[in-house]
PDB file of N, CA and C in Angstrom:
ATOM      1  N   GLN A   1      83.707  37.336  93.204  1.00  0.00           N
ATOM      2  CA  GLN A   1      84.798  38.466  93.761  1.00  0.00           C
ATOM      3  C   GLN A   1      85.262  39.130  92.697  1.00  0.00           C
ATOM      4  N   LEU A   2      85.004  40.523  92.700  1.00  0.00           N
ATOM      5  CA  LEU A   2      85.674  41.361  91.659  1.00  0.00           C
ATOM      6  C   LEU A   2      87.195  41.606  91.994  1.00  0.00           C
ATOM      7  N   GLN A   3      87.898  41.519  90.848  1.00  0.00           N
ATOM      8  CA  GLN A   3      89.198  41.752  90.838  1.00  0.00           C
ATOM      9  C   GLN A   3      89.487  42.920  89.946  1.00  0.00           C
ATOM     10  N   LEU A   4      90.617  43.755  90.464  1.00  0.00           N
ATOM     11  CA  LEU A   4      91.006  44.742  89.429  1.00  0.00           C
ATOM     12  C   LEU A   4      92.487  44.566  89.034  1.00  0.00           C
ATOM     13  N   VAL A   5      92.795  44.553  87.787  1.00  0.00           N
ATOM     14  CA  VAL A   5      94.095  44.275  87.407  1.00  0.00           C
ATOM     15  C   VAL A   5      94.749  45.474  86.764  1.00  0.00           C
ATOM     16  N   GLU A   6      95.814  45.990  87.139  1.00  0.00           N
ATOM     17  CA  GLU A   6      96.490  47.081  86.700  1.00  0.00           C
ATOM     18  C   GLU A   6      97.687  46.842  85.692  1.00  0.00           C
ATOM     19  N   SER A   7      97.929  47.670  84.871  1.00  0.00           N
ATOM     20  CA  SER A   7      99.031  47.456  83.967  1.00  0.00           C
ATOM     21  C   SER A   7      99.626  48.868  83.610  1.00  0.00           C
ATOM     22  N   GLY A   8     100.658  48.960  82.975  1.00  0.00           N
ATOM     23  CA  GLY A   8     101.278  50.048  82.314  1.00  0.00           C
ATOM     24  C   GLY A   8     102.126  50.980  83.265  1.00  0.00           C
ATOM     25  N   GLY A   9     102.408  50.678  84.337  1.00  0.00           N
ATOM     26  CA  GLY A   9     103.633  51.306  85.056  1.00  0.00           C
ATOM     27  C   GLY A   9     105.012  51.141  84.816  1.00  0.00           C
ATOM     28  N   GLY A  10     105.862  51.759  85.043  1.00  0.00           N
ATOM     29  CA  GLY A  10     107.262  51.720  84.801  1.00  0.00           C
ATOM     30  C   GLY A  10     108.005  52.778  85.198  1.00  0.00           C
ATOM     31  N   GLU A  11     109.429  52.864  84.681  1.00  0.00           N
ATOM     32  CA  GLU A  11     110.343  53.997  84.818  1.00  0.00           C
ATOM     33  C   GLU A  11     110.370  54.832  83.721  1.00  0.00           C
ATOM     34  N   VAL A  12     110.282  56.083  84.071  1.00  0.00           N
ATOM     35  CA  VAL A  12     110.161  57.153  82.817  1.00  0.00           C
ATOM     36  C   VAL A  12     111.171  58.316  83.390  1.00  0.00           C
ATOM     37  N   GLN A  13     111.672  59.115  82.377  1.00  0.00           N
ATOM     38  CA  GLN A  13     112.391  60.351  82.984  1.00  0.00           C
ATOM     39  C   GLN A  13     111.447  61.409  83.157  1.00  0.00           C
ATOM     40  N   PRO A  14     112.012  62.328  83.961  1.00  0.00           N
ATOM     41  CA  PRO A  14     111.096  63.758  84.176  1.00  0.00           C
ATOM     42  C   PRO A  14     110.569  64.160  82.860  1.00  0.00           C
ATOM     43  N   GLY A  15     109.414  64.640  82.953  1.00  0.00           N
ATOM     44  CA  GLY A  15     108.616  65.053  81.643  1.00  0.00           C
ATOM     45  C   GLY A  15     108.082  64.149  80.721  1.00  0.00           C
ATOM     46  N   GLY A  16     108.319  62.776  81.065  1.00  0.00           N
ATOM     47  CA  GLY A  16     107.728  61.734  80.345  1.00  0.00           C
ATOM     48  C   GLY A  16     106.342  61.561  80.446  1.00  0.00           C
ATOM     49  N   SER A  17     105.828  60.684  79.729  1.00  0.00           N
ATOM     50  CA  SER A  17     104.373  60.295  79.937  1.00  0.00           C
ATOM     51  C   SER A  17     104.191  58.603  80.010  1.00  0.00           C
ATOM     52  N   LEU A  18     103.126  58.250  80.736  1.00  0.00           N
ATOM     53  CA  LEU A  18     102.723  56.868  80.765  1.00  0.00           C
ATOM     54  C   LEU A  18     101.209  56.731  80.684  1.00  0.00           C
ATOM     55  N   ARG A  19     100.710  55.428  80.462  1.00  0.00           N
ATOM     56  CA  ARG A  19      99.360  55.412  80.470  1.00  0.00           C
ATOM     57  C   ARG A  19      99.032  54.181  81.227  1.00  0.00           C
ATOM     58  N   LEU A  20      98.381  54.300  82.495  1.00  0.00           N
ATOM     59  CA  LEU A  20      98.023  53.232  83.269  1.00  0.00           C
ATOM     60  C   LEU A  20      96.680  52.629  82.690  1.00  0.00           C
ATOM     61  N   SER A  21      96.388  51.271  82.925  1.00  0.00           N
ATOM     62  CA  SER A  21      95.174  50.594  82.717  1.00  0.00           C
ATOM     63  C   SER A  21      94.741  49.795  83.951  1.00  0.00           C
ATOM     64  N   CYS A  22      93.423  49.759  84.029  1.00  0.00           N
ATOM     65  CA  CYS A  22      92.918  48.856  85.056  1.00  0.00           C
ATOM     66  C   CYS A  22      91.620  48.262  84.586  1.00  0.00           C
ATOM     67  N   ALA A  23      91.713  46.907  84.584  1.00  0.00           N
ATOM     68  CA  ALA A  23      90.469  46.200  84.028  1.00  0.00           C
ATOM     69  C   ALA A  23      89.879  45.453  85.230  1.00  0.00           C
ATOM     70  N   ALA A  24      88.600  45.465  85.135  1.00  0.00           N
ATOM     71  CA  ALA A  24      87.638  44.763  86.281  1.00  0.00           C
ATOM     72  C   ALA A  24      87.634  43.312  85.601  1.00  0.00           C
ATOM     73  N   SER A  25      87.382  42.471  86.323  1.00  0.00           N
ATOM     74  CA  SER A  25      87.446  40.947  86.096  1.00  0.00           C
ATOM     75  C   SER A  25      86.172  40.480  85.726  1.00  0.00           C
ATOM     76  N   ARG A  26      85.108  41.364  85.921  1.00  0.00           N
ATOM     77  CA  ARG A  26      83.714  40.996  85.498  1.00  0.00           C
ATOM     78  C   ARG A  26      82.900  42.355  84.959  1.00  0.00           C
ATOM     79  N   SER A  27      81.769  42.155  84.562  1.00  0.00           N
ATOM     80  CA  SER A  27      81.070  43.372  84.144  1.00  0.00           C
ATOM     81  C   SER A  27      80.543  44.048  85.354  1.00  0.00           C
ATOM     82  N   ILE A  28      80.770  45.372  85.288  1.00  0.00           N
ATOM     83  CA  ILE A  28      80.200  46.130  86.386  1.00  0.00           C
ATOM     84  C   ILE A  28      79.171  47.240  85.992  1.00  0.00           C
ATOM     85  N   SER A  29      78.201  47.402  86.691  1.00  0.00           N
ATOM     86  CA  SER A  29      77.070  48.372  86.197  1.00  0.00           C
ATOM     87  C   SER A  29      76.696  49.251  87.510  1.00  0.00           C
ATOM     88  N   GLY A  30      75.625  49.951  87.030  1.00  0.00           N
ATOM     89  CA  GLY A  30      75.073  50.661  88.193  1.00  0.00           C
ATOM     90  C   GLY A  30      75.817  52.044  88.438  1.00  0.00           C
ATOM     91  N   LEU A  31      75.385  52.906  89.463  1.00  0.00           N
ATOM     92  CA  LEU A  31      76.062  53.837  89.795  1.00  0.00           C
ATOM     93  C   LEU A  31      77.499  53.510  90.489  1.00  0.00           C
ATOM     94  N   ASN A  32      78.487  53.762  89.889  1.00  0.00           N
ATOM     95  CA  ASN A  32      79.834  53.480  90.434  1.00  0.00           C
ATOM     96  C   ASN A  32      80.773  54.320  90.099  1.00  0.00           C
ATOM     97  N   ILE A  33      82.099  54.104  90.828  1.00  0.00           N
ATOM     98  CA  ILE A  33      83.114  55.238  90.647  1.00  0.00           C
ATOM     99  C   ILE A  33      84.378  54.180  90.395  1.00  0.00           C
ATOM    100  N   MET A  34      85.185  54.643  89.446  1.00  0.00           N
ATOM    101  CA  MET A  34      86.450  53.967  89.379  1.00  0.00           C
ATOM    102  C   MET A  34      87.494  55.102  89.278  1.00  0.00           C
ATOM    103  N   GLY A  35      88.618  54.744  89.836  1.00  0.00           N
ATOM    104  CA  GLY A  35      89.711  55.623  90.153  1.00  0.00           C
ATOM    105  C   GLY A  35      90.890  55.335  90.346  1.00  0.00           C
ATOM    106  N   TRP A  36      91.790  56.149  90.648  1.00  0.00           N
ATOM    107  CA  TRP A  36      93.182  55.901  90.811  1.00  0.00           C
ATOM    108  C   TRP A  36      93.666  56.699  92.201  1.00  0.00           C
ATOM    109  N   TYR A  37      94.372  55.873  92.936  1.00  0.00           N
ATOM    110  CA  TYR A  37      95.057  56.509  94.263  1.00  0.00           C
ATOM    111  C   TYR A  37      96.610  56.270  94.115  1.00  0.00           C
ATOM    112  N   ARG A  38      97.399  56.868  94.867  1.00  0.00           N
ATOM    113  CA  ARG A  38      98.785  56.554  94.750  1.00  0.00           C
ATOM    114  C   ARG A  38      99.385  56.606  96.199  1.00  0.00           C
ATOM    115  N   GLN A  39     100.374  55.821  96.455  1.00  0.00           N
ATOM    116  CA  GLN A  39     101.195  56.006  97.631  1.00  0.00           C
ATOM    117  C   GLN A  39     102.558  55.915  97.655  1.00  0.00           C
ATOM    118  N   ALA A  40     103.178  56.908  97.834  1.00  0.00           N
ATOM    119  CA  ALA A  40     104.838  57.147  97.769  1.00  0.00           C
ATOM    120  C   ALA A  40     105.413  56.585  99.207  1.00  0.00           C
ATOM    121  N   PRO A  41     106.620  56.269  99.224  1.00  0.00           N
ATOM    122  CA  PRO A  41     107.300  55.746 100.352  1.00  0.00           C
ATOM    123  C   PRO A  41     107.205  56.579 101.422  1.00  0.00           C
ATOM    124  N   GLY A  42     106.765  56.278 102.627  1.00  0.00           N
ATOM    125  CA  GLY A  42     106.463  57.011 103.833  1.00  0.00           C
ATOM    126  C   GLY A  42     105.285  57.824 103.756  1.00  0.00           C
ATOM    127  N   LYS A  43     104.544  57.919 102.849  1.00  0.00           N
ATOM    128  CA  LYS A  43     103.377  58.752 102.770  1.00  0.00           C
ATOM    129  C   LYS A  43     102.072  58.009 102.749  1.00  0.00           C
ATOM    130  N   GLN A  44     101.052  58.716 103.069  1.00  0.00           N
ATOM    131  CA  GLN A  44      99.628  58.051 103.104  1.00  0.00           C
ATOM    132  C   GLN A  44      99.157  58.129 101.549  1.00  0.00           C
ATOM    133  N   ARG A  45      98.278  57.156 101.424  1.00  0.00           N
ATOM    134  CA  ARG A  45      97.703  57.064 100.074  1.00  0.00           C
ATOM    135  C   ARG A  45      96.791  58.115  99.862  1.00  0.00           C
ATOM    136  N   GLU A  46      96.940  58.479  98.582  1.00  0.00           N
ATOM    137  CA  GLU A  46      96.187  59.949  98.132  1.00  0.00           C
ATOM    138  C   GLU A  46      95.524  59.747  96.853  1.00  0.00           C
ATOM    139  N   LEU A  47      94.296  60.525  96.751  1.00  0.00           N
ATOM    140  CA  LEU A  47      93.507  60.603  95.658  1.00  0.00           C
ATOM    141  C   LEU A  47      94.396  61.141  94.464  1.00  0.00           C
ATOM    142  N   VAL A  48      94.297  60.399  93.404  1.00  0.00           N
ATOM    143  CA  VAL A  48      94.785  60.899  92.216  1.00  0.00           C
ATOM    144  C   VAL A  48      93.666  61.431  91.244  1.00  0.00           C
ATOM    145  N   ALA A  49      92.726  60.527  90.837  1.00  0.00           N
ATOM    146  CA  ALA A  49      91.677  60.953  90.077  1.00  0.00           C
ATOM    147  C   ALA A  49      90.586  59.833  90.237  1.00  0.00           C
ATOM    148  N   THR A  50      89.393  60.277  90.185  1.00  0.00           N
ATOM    149  CA  THR A  50      88.100  59.372  89.944  1.00  0.00           C
ATOM    150  C   THR A  50      87.119  59.826  88.983  1.00  0.00           C
ATOM    151  N   LEU A  51      86.420  58.871  88.565  1.00  0.00           N
ATOM    152  CA  LEU A  51      85.341  59.121  87.584  1.00  0.00           C
ATOM    153  C   LEU A  51      84.213  58.207  87.665  1.00  0.00           C
ATOM    154  N   THR A  52      83.124  58.788  87.493  1.00  0.00           N
ATOM    155  CA  THR A  52      81.938  57.950  87.899  1.00  0.00           C
ATOM    156  C   THR A  52      81.366  57.433  86.491  1.00  0.00           C
ATOM    157  N   ARG A  53      80.624  56.391  86.416  1.00  0.00           N
ATOM    158  CA  ARG A  53      80.170  55.714  85.285  1.00  0.00           C
ATOM    159  C   ARG A  53      79.592  56.780  84.434  1.00  0.00           C
ATOM    160  N   GLY A  54      78.897  57.813  85.004  1.00  0.00           N
ATOM    161  CA  GLY A  54      78.267  58.732  84.372  1.00  0.00           C
ATOM    162  C   GLY A  54      79.131  60.108  83.776  1.00  0.00           C
ATOM    163  N   GLY A  55      80.337  59.843  83.947  1.00  0.00           N
ATOM    164  CA  GLY A  55      81.281  60.952  83.471  1.00  0.00           C
ATOM    165  C   GLY A  55      81.807  62.027  84.384  1.00  0.00           C
ATOM    166  N   THR A  56      81.541  61.915  85.756  1.00  0.00           N
ATOM    167  CA  THR A  56      81.899  63.078  86.317  1.00  0.00           C
ATOM    168  C   THR A  56      83.222  62.717  87.096  1.00  0.00           C
ATOM    169  N   THR A  57      84.251  63.749  86.959  1.00  0.00           N
ATOM    170  CA  THR A  57      85.593  63.445  87.344  1.00  0.00           C
ATOM    171  C   THR A  57      85.965  64.383  88.631  1.00  0.00           C
ATOM    172  N   ASN A  58      86.998  63.671  89.206  1.00  0.00           N
ATOM    173  CA  ASN A  58      87.523  64.343  90.450  1.00  0.00           C
ATOM    174  C   ASN A  58      89.012  64.233  90.399  1.00  0.00           C
ATOM    175  N   TYR A  59      90.004  65.266  90.549  1.00  0.00           N
ATOM    176  CA  TYR A  59      91.142  65.164  90.423  1.00  0.00           C
ATOM    177  C   TYR A  59      91.965  65.622  91.807  1.00  0.00           C
ATOM    178  N   GLY A  60      92.978  64.959  92.206  1.00  0.00           N
ATOM    179  CA  GLY A  60      93.702  65.627  93.470  1.00  0.00           C
ATOM    180  C   GLY A  60      94.379  66.762  92.922  1.00  0.00           C
ATOM    181  N   ASP A  61      94.875  67.709  93.870  1.00  0.00           N
ATOM    182  CA  ASP A  61      95.263  69.041  93.436  1.00  0.00           C
ATOM    183  C   ASP A  61      96.631  69.050  92.551  1.00  0.00           C
ATOM    184  N   SER A  62      97.413  68.148  93.168  1.00  0.00           N
ATOM    185  CA  SER A  62      98.673  67.806  92.670  1.00  0.00           C
ATOM    186  C   SER A  62      98.866  67.380  91.181  1.00  0.00           C
ATOM    187  N   VAL A  63      97.826  66.940  90.819  1.00  0.00           N
ATOM    188  CA  VAL A  63      97.937  66.276  89.274  1.00  0.00           C
ATOM    189  C   VAL A  63      96.763  66.886  88.176  1.00  0.00           C
ATOM    190  N   LYS A  64      96.245  67.872  88.763  1.00  0.00           N
ATOM    191  CA  LYS A  64      95.286  68.469  87.726  1.00  0.00           C
ATOM    192  C   LYS A  64      96.183  69.266  86.753  1.00  0.00           C
ATOM    193  N   ASP A  65      95.506  69.225  85.577  1.00  0.00           N
ATOM    194  CA  ASP A  65      96.128  69.701  84.241  1.00  0.00           C
ATOM    195  C   ASP A  65      97.354  68.858  83.789  1.00  0.00           C
ATOM    196  N   ARG A  66      97.815  67.964  84.420  1.00  0.00           N
ATOM    197  CA  ARG A  66      98.822  66.849  83.932  1.00  0.00           C
ATOM    198  C   ARG A  66      98.248  65.349  83.749  1.00  0.00           C
ATOM    199  N   PHE A  67      97.222  65.034  84.491  1.00  0.00           N
ATOM    200  CA  PHE A  67      96.732  63.725  84.375  1.00  0.00           C
ATOM    201  C   PHE A  67      95.319  63.576  83.974  1.00  0.00           C
ATOM    202  N   ILE A  68      94.867  62.622  83.033  1.00  0.00           N
ATOM    203  CA  ILE A  68      93.722  62.567  82.584  1.00  0.00           C
ATOM    204  C   ILE A  68      93.132  61.170  82.786  1.00  0.00           C
ATOM    205  N   ILE A  69      91.886  61.082  83.349  1.00  0.00           N
ATOM    206  CA  ILE A  69      91.440  59.860  83.683  1.00  0.00           C
ATOM    207  C   ILE A  69      90.095  59.687  82.629  1.00  0.00           C
ATOM    208  N   SER A  70      90.005  58.421  82.262  1.00  0.00           N
ATOM    209  CA  SER A  70      89.152  58.111  81.089  1.00  0.00           C
ATOM    210  C   SER A  70      88.658  56.530  81.553  1.00  0.00           C
ATOM    211  N   ARG A  71      87.459  56.056  81.027  1.00  0.00           N
ATOM    212  CA  ARG A  71      87.036  54.828  81.129  1.00  0.00           C
ATOM    213  C   ARG A  71      86.340  54.308  79.900  1.00  0.00           C
ATOM    214  N   ASP A  72      86.245  53.022  79.753  1.00  0.00           N
ATOM    215  CA  ASP A  72      85.568  52.234  78.773  1.00  0.00           C
ATOM    216  C   ASP A  72      84.515  51.586  79.538  1.00  0.00           C
ATOM    217  N   ASN A  73      83.425  51.897  79.559  1.00  0.00           N
ATOM    218  CA  ASN A  73      82.395  51.052  80.269  1.00  0.00           C
ATOM    219  C   ASN A  73      82.156  49.685  79.640  1.00  0.00           C
ATOM    220  N   ALA A  74      82.253  49.586  78.380  1.00  0.00           N
ATOM    221  CA  ALA A  74      81.984  48.373  77.693  1.00  0.00           C
ATOM    222  C   ALA A  74      82.998  47.327  78.132  1.00  0.00           C
ATOM    223  N   LYS A  75      84.145  48.058  78.357  1.00  0.00           N
ATOM    224  CA  LYS A  75      85.223  46.858  78.477  1.00  0.00           C
ATOM    225  C   LYS A  75      85.771  46.872  80.024  1.00  0.00           C
ATOM    226  N   ASN A  76      84.796  47.731  80.945  1.00  0.00           N
ATOM    227  CA  ASN A  76      85.058  47.594  82.341  1.00  0.00           C
ATOM    228  C   ASN A  76      86.468  47.905  82.587  1.00  0.00           C
ATOM    229  N   THR A  77      86.924  49.126  82.026  1.00  0.00           N
ATOM    230  CA  THR A  77      88.394  49.407  82.245  1.00  0.00           C
ATOM    231  C   THR A  77      88.365  51.002  82.539  1.00  0.00           C
ATOM    232  N   VAL A  78      89.332  51.268  83.412  1.00  0.00           N
ATOM    233  CA  VAL A  78      89.714  52.748  83.514  1.00  0.00           C
ATOM    234  C   VAL A  78      90.953  53.024  83.240  1.00  0.00           C
ATOM    235  N   TYR A  79      91.434  54.163  82.617  1.00  0.00           N
ATOM    236  CA  TYR A  79      92.672  54.615  82.376  1.00  0.00           C
ATOM    237  C   TYR A  79      93.136  55.797  82.995  1.00  0.00           C
ATOM    238  N   LEU A  80      94.571  55.714  83.113  1.00  0.00           N
ATOM    239  CA  LEU A  80      95.020  57.179  83.735  1.00  0.00           C
ATOM    240  C   LEU A  80      96.198  57.415  82.675  1.00  0.00           C
ATOM    241  N   GLN A  81      96.101  58.619  82.070  1.00  0.00           N
ATOM    242  CA  GLN A  81      97.150  59.328  81.192  1.00  0.00           C
ATOM    243  C   GLN A  81      97.931  60.133  81.916  1.00  0.00           C
ATOM    244  N   ILE A  82      99.193  59.995  82.368  1.00  0.00           N
ATOM    245  CA  ILE A  82      99.965  60.814  83.086  1.00  0.00           C
ATOM    246  C   ILE A  82     101.184  61.409  82.339  1.00  0.00           C
ATOM    247  N   ASN A  83     101.042  62.838  82.414  1.00  0.00           N
ATOM    248  CA  ASN A  83     101.859  63.694  81.426  1.00  0.00           C
ATOM    249  C   ASN A  83     102.764  64.418  82.273  1.00  0.00           C
ATOM    250  N   SER A  84     103.918  64.880  81.693  1.00  0.00           N
ATOM    251  CA  SER A  84     104.884  65.834  82.505  1.00  0.00           C
ATOM    252  C   SER A  84     105.085  65.443  83.883  1.00  0.00           C
ATOM    253  N   LEU A  85     105.598  64.068  83.798  1.00  0.00           N
ATOM    254  CA  LEU A  85     105.972  63.584  85.057  1.00  0.00           C
ATOM    255  C   LEU A  85     107.076  64.059  85.957  1.00  0.00           C
ATOM    256  N   LYS A  86     106.794  64.154  87.129  1.00  0.00           N
ATOM    257  CA  LYS A  86     107.973  64.825  88.004  1.00  0.00           C
ATOM    258  C   LYS A  86     108.363  63.680  89.008  1.00  0.00           C
ATOM    259  N   SER A  87     109.517  63.940  89.727  1.00  0.00           N
ATOM    260  CA  SER A  87     110.001  63.065  90.482  1.00  0.00           C
ATOM    261  C   SER A  87     108.790  62.660  91.587  1.00  0.00           C
ATOM    262  N   GLU A  88     108.292  63.583  92.077  1.00  0.00           N
ATOM    263  CA  GLU A  88     107.339  63.604  93.335  1.00  0.00           C
ATOM    264  C   GLU A  88     106.009  62.664  92.745  1.00  0.00           C
ATOM    265  N   ASP A  89     105.982  62.366  91.575  1.00  0.00           N
ATOM    266  CA  ASP A  89     105.005  61.304  91.065  1.00  0.00           C
ATOM    267  C   ASP A  89     105.250  60.035  91.231  1.00  0.00           C
ATOM    268  N   THR A  90     106.516  59.754  91.775  1.00  0.00           N
ATOM    269  CA  THR A  90     106.777  58.390  91.954  1.00  0.00           C
ATOM    270  C   THR A  90     106.125  57.690  93.018  1.00  0.00           C
ATOM    271  N   ALA A  91     105.454  56.500  92.813  1.00  0.00           N
ATOM    272  CA  ALA A  91     104.680  56.054  93.873  1.00  0.00           C
ATOM    273  C   ALA A  91     104.161  54.642  93.301  1.00  0.00           C
ATOM    274  N   VAL A  92     103.474  53.923  94.127  1.00  0.00           N
ATOM    275  CA  VAL A  92     102.689  52.725  93.614  1.00  0.00           C
ATOM    276  C   VAL A  92     101.147  53.360  93.639  1.00  0.00           C
ATOM    277  N   TYR A  93     100.860  53.079  92.137  1.00  0.00           N
ATOM    278  CA  TYR A  93      99.506  53.633  91.768  1.00  0.00           C
ATOM    279  C   TYR A  93      98.379  52.583  91.832  1.00  0.00           C
ATOM    280  N   TYR A  94      97.262  52.619  92.575  1.00  0.00           N
ATOM    281  CA  TYR A  94      96.368  51.672  92.992  1.00  0.00           C
ATOM    282  C   TYR A  94      94.982  52.028  92.183  1.00  0.00           C
ATOM    283  N   CYS A  95      94.339  51.107  91.579  1.00  0.00           N
ATOM    284  CA  CYS A  95      93.119  51.203  91.063  1.00  0.00           C
ATOM    285  C   CYS A  95      92.112  50.964  92.034  1.00  0.00           C
ATOM    286  N   ASN A  96      91.064  51.605  92.001  1.00  0.00           N
ATOM    287  CA  ASN A  96      89.811  51.440  92.995  1.00  0.00           C
ATOM    288  C   ASN A  96      88.617  51.564  92.288  1.00  0.00           C
ATOM    289  N   PHE A  97      87.577  50.665  92.816  1.00  0.00           N
ATOM    290  CA  PHE A  97      86.224  50.795  92.330  1.00  0.00           C
ATOM    291  C   PHE A  97      85.284  50.454  93.642  1.00  0.00           C
ATOM    292  N   ARG A  98      84.306  51.259  93.472  1.00  0.00           N
ATOM    293  CA  ARG A  98      83.168  51.122  94.324  1.00  0.00           C
ATOM    294  C   ARG A  98      81.713  51.571  93.875  1.00  0.00           C
ATOM    295  N   VAL A  99      80.906  50.893  94.429  1.00  0.00           N
ATOM    296  CA  VAL A  99      79.314  51.193  94.033  1.00  0.00           C
ATOM    297  C   VAL A  99      79.044  52.418  94.874  1.00  0.00           C
ATOM    298  N   ILE A 100      78.353  53.338  94.413  1.00  0.00           N
ATOM    299  CA  ILE A 100      77.867  54.567  95.073  1.00  0.00           C
ATOM    300  C   ILE A 100      77.064  54.141  96.323  1.00  0.00           C
ATOM    301  N   GLY A 101      77.181  54.386  97.372  1.00  0.00           N
ATOM    302  CA  GLY A 101      76.372  54.177  98.410  1.00  0.00           C
ATOM    303  C   GLY A 101      76.545  52.842  99.204  1.00  0.00           C
ATOM    304  N   ALA A 102      77.632  51.960  98.720  1.00  0.00           N
ATOM    305  CA  ALA A 102      78.010  50.740  99.207  1.00  0.00           C
ATOM    306  C   ALA A 102      79.254  50.928 100.061  1.00  0.00           C
ATOM    307  N   PRO A 103      79.318  50.029 101.111  1.00  0.00           N
ATOM    308  CA  PRO A 103      80.268  50.295 102.049  1.00  0.00           C
ATOM    309  C   PRO A 103      81.636  49.759 101.550  1.00  0.00           C
ATOM    310  N   ARG A 104      81.726  48.867 100.620  1.00  0.00           N
ATOM    311  CA  ARG A 104      82.783  48.164 100.476  1.00  0.00           C
ATOM    312  C   ARG A 104      83.482  48.853  99.072  1.00  0.00           C
ATOM    313  N   ALA A 105      84.827  48.868  99.262  1.00  0.00           N
ATOM    314  CA  ALA A 105      85.537  49.432  97.942  1.00  0.00           C
ATOM    315  C   ALA A 105      86.525  48.258  97.556  1.00  0.00           C
ATOM    316  N   TYR A 106      86.921  48.116  96.243  1.00  0.00           N
ATOM    317  CA  TYR A 106      87.706  47.190  95.915  1.00  0.00           C
ATOM    318  C   TYR A 106      88.914  47.813  95.332  1.00  0.00           C
ATOM    319  N   TRP A 107      90.241  47.154  95.467  1.00  0.00           N
ATOM    320  CA  TRP A 107      91.493  47.716  95.216  1.00  0.00           C
ATOM    321  C   TRP A 107      92.251  46.613  94.407  1.00  0.00           C
ATOM    322  N   GLY A 108      93.093  47.188  93.413  1.00  0.00           N
ATOM    323  CA  GLY A 108      93.969  46.512  92.521  1.00  0.00           C
ATOM    324  C   GLY A 108      95.200  46.098  93.408  1.00  0.00           C
ATOM    325  N   GLN A 109      96.192  45.437  92.824  1.00  0.00           N
ATOM    326  CA  GLN A 109      97.369  45.090  93.510  1.00  0.00           C
ATOM    327  C   GLN A 109      98.406  46.221  93.485  1.00  0.00           C
ATOM    328  N   GLY A 110      98.183  47.280  92.536  1.00  0.00           N
ATOM    329  CA  GLY A 110      99.093  48.370  92.405  1.00  0.00           C
ATOM    330  C   GLY A 110     100.262  48.101  91.316  1.00  0.00           C
ATOM    331  N   THR A 111     100.506  49.381  90.849  1.00  0.00           N
ATOM    332  CA  THR A 111     101.518  49.324  89.746  1.00  0.00           C
ATOM    333  C   THR A 111     102.543  50.396  89.989  1.00  0.00           C
ATOM    334  N   GLN A 112     103.696  50.161  89.798  1.00  0.00           N
ATOM    335  CA  GLN A 112     104.907  51.118  90.244  1.00  0.00           C
ATOM    336  C   GLN A 112     105.045  52.034  89.183  1.00  0.00           C
ATOM    337  N   VAL A 113     105.209  53.324  89.569  1.00  0.00           N
ATOM    338  CA  VAL A 113     105.563  54.222  88.542  1.00  0.00           C
ATOM    339  C   VAL A 113     106.767  55.088  89.287  1.00  0.00           C
ATOM    340  N   THR A 114     107.763  54.874  88.420  1.00  0.00           N
ATOM    341  CA  THR A 114     109.139  55.852  88.936  1.00  0.00           C
ATOM    342  C   THR A 114     109.516  56.628  87.964  1.00  0.00           C
ATOM    343  N   VAL A 115     109.758  57.946  88.534  1.00  0.00           N
ATOM    344  CA  VAL A 115     110.314  58.977  87.638  1.00  0.00           C
ATOM    345  C   VAL A 115     111.710  59.338  87.949  1.00  0.00           C
ATOM    346  N   SER A 116     112.510  59.075  87.110  1.00  0.00           N
ATOM    347  CA  SER A 116     113.944  59.211  87.457  1.00  0.00           C
ATOM    348  C   SER A 116     114.861  59.492  86.308  1.00  0.00           C
ATOM    349  N   SER A 117     115.848  60.574  86.411  1.00  0.00           N
ATOM    350  CA  SER A 117     116.779  60.688  85.437  1.00  0.00           C
ATOM    351  C   SER A 117     117.976  59.947  85.433  1.00  0.00           C
TER     352      SER A 117
END
């Protein structure tokens, strides 16, 4: 059973930065996508960013130009550099992994990001 373990969340002031990490519990290969989604209180879970094993990225409109997704395939880890944080970025950030063409997606337990002055 694949597990995803996130780290790096916390509380920061507006304009600050954080780096989130998500490590898979075992080696992953093949055509796959790793990414991040977030869910704020009272709102639906939304796309933050995804990155295929081959390097294709996709960002949510609200985070373009501020967030950067990257991955280290050798470490089975995906990262999210989040910059210029705004109060509306406050949410639980979830790591996601899926094999392209497969029905199942895997989720991490979530890490809280709070932006507050």
